[in-house]
Amino acid sequence: MLDTKQSEAALPDDEPRGCLFALSQPPLMIFLAVIGCLLLMAALHDLLWL
């Protein structure tokens, strides 16, 4: 059995955050929702009125 110290087992505090953290930001979600609504309106316009 290896004897590890407490400092070796601790994770670094400056660990990079992933994509899920970026998607949890409200300005990004609002931007993506607006782009999604514009794409949806364009698709519905093409399907129903053209």
C-alpha atoms as a PDB file:
ATOM      1  CA  MET A   1       0.000   0.000   0.000  1.00  0.00           C
ATOM      2  CA  LEU A   2       1.353   3.403  -0.953  1.00  0.00           C
ATOM      3  CA  ASP A   3       1.502   6.129   1.625  1.00  0.00           C
ATOM      4  CA  THR A   4       0.245   9.357   0.055  1.00  0.00           C
ATOM      5  CA  LYS A   5       0.296  12.739   1.700  1.00  0.00           C
ATOM      6  CA  GLN A   6      -2.742  15.005   1.899  1.00  0.00           C
ATOM      7  CA  SER A   7      -1.156  17.566  -0.454  1.00  0.00           C
ATOM      8  CA  GLU A   8      -0.619  14.935  -3.169  1.00  0.00           C
ATOM      9  CA  ALA A   9      -4.239  13.787  -3.130  1.00  0.00           C
ATOM     10  CA  ALA A  10      -5.767  17.272  -3.284  1.00  0.00           C
ATOM     11  CA  LEU A  11      -6.987  18.567  -6.637  1.00  0.00           C
ATOM     12  CA  PRO A  12      -5.583  21.868  -7.916  1.00  0.00           C
ATOM     13  CA  ASP A  13      -7.805  24.910  -7.379  1.00  0.00           C
ATOM     14  CA  ASP A  14      -7.100  26.382 -10.819  1.00  0.00           C
ATOM     15  CA  GLU A  15      -8.633  23.433 -12.673  1.00  0.00           C
ATOM     16  CA  PRO A  16     -10.074  24.500 -16.052  1.00  0.00           C
ATOM     17  CA  ARG A  17     -13.845  24.432 -16.303  1.00  0.00           C
ATOM     18  CA  GLY A  18     -15.605  22.572 -19.069  1.00  0.00           C
ATOM     19  CA  CYS A  19     -18.383  23.213 -21.536  1.00  0.00           C
ATOM     20  CA  LEU A  20     -21.210  22.613 -19.071  1.00  0.00           C
ATOM     21  CA  PHE A  21     -20.002  25.536 -16.964  1.00  0.00           C
ATOM     22  CA  ALA A  22     -20.028  27.765 -20.060  1.00  0.00           C
ATOM     23  CA  LEU A  23     -23.573  26.688 -20.954  1.00  0.00           C
ATOM     24  CA  SER A  24     -24.792  27.530 -17.452  1.00  0.00           C
ATOM     25  CA  GLN A  25     -24.086  31.232 -17.986  1.00  0.00           C
ATOM     26  CA  PRO A  26     -27.310  33.243 -18.536  1.00  0.00           C
ATOM     27  CA  PRO A  27     -26.011  35.624 -21.276  1.00  0.00           C
ATOM     28  CA  LEU A  28     -24.839  32.702 -23.385  1.00  0.00           C
ATOM     29  CA  MET A  29     -28.132  30.858 -22.945  1.00  0.00           C
ATOM     30  CA  ILE A  30     -30.106  33.988 -23.905  1.00  0.00           C
ATOM     31  CA  PHE A  31     -27.942  34.422 -27.013  1.00  0.00           C
ATOM     32  CA  LEU A  32     -28.392  30.771 -28.007  1.00  0.00           C
ATOM     33  CA  ALA A  33     -32.153  31.004 -27.405  1.00  0.00           C
ATOM     34  CA  VAL A  34     -32.428  34.067 -29.662  1.00  0.00           C
ATOM     35  CA  ILE A  35     -30.421  32.373 -32.418  1.00  0.00           C
ATOM     36  CA  GLY A  36     -32.548  29.240 -32.031  1.00  0.00           C
ATOM     37  CA  CYS A  37     -35.775  31.233 -32.291  1.00  0.00           C
ATOM     38  CA  LEU A  38     -34.536  32.997 -35.418  1.00  0.00           C
ATOM     39  CA  LEU A  39     -33.633  29.672 -37.021  1.00  0.00           C
ATOM     40  CA  LEU A  40     -37.002  28.219 -36.051  1.00  0.00           C
ATOM     41  CA  MET A  41     -38.888  31.197 -37.492  1.00  0.00           C
ATOM     42  CA  ALA A  42     -36.890  30.965 -40.739  1.00  0.00           C
ATOM     43  CA  ALA A  43     -37.591  27.242 -41.012  1.00  0.00           C
ATOM     44  CA  LEU A  44     -41.306  27.710 -40.365  1.00  0.00           C
ATOM     45  CA  HIS A  45     -41.427  30.517 -42.908  1.00  0.00           C
ATOM     46  CA  ASP A  46     -39.819  28.286 -45.521  1.00  0.00           C
ATOM     47  CA  LEU A  47     -42.116  25.355 -44.745  1.00  0.00           C
ATOM     48  CA  LEU A  48     -45.450  27.137 -44.398  1.00  0.00           C
ATOM     49  CA  TRP A  49     -45.441  30.321 -46.411  1.00  0.00           C
ATOM     50  CA  LEU A  50     -43.106  29.661 -49.359  1.00  0.00           C
END
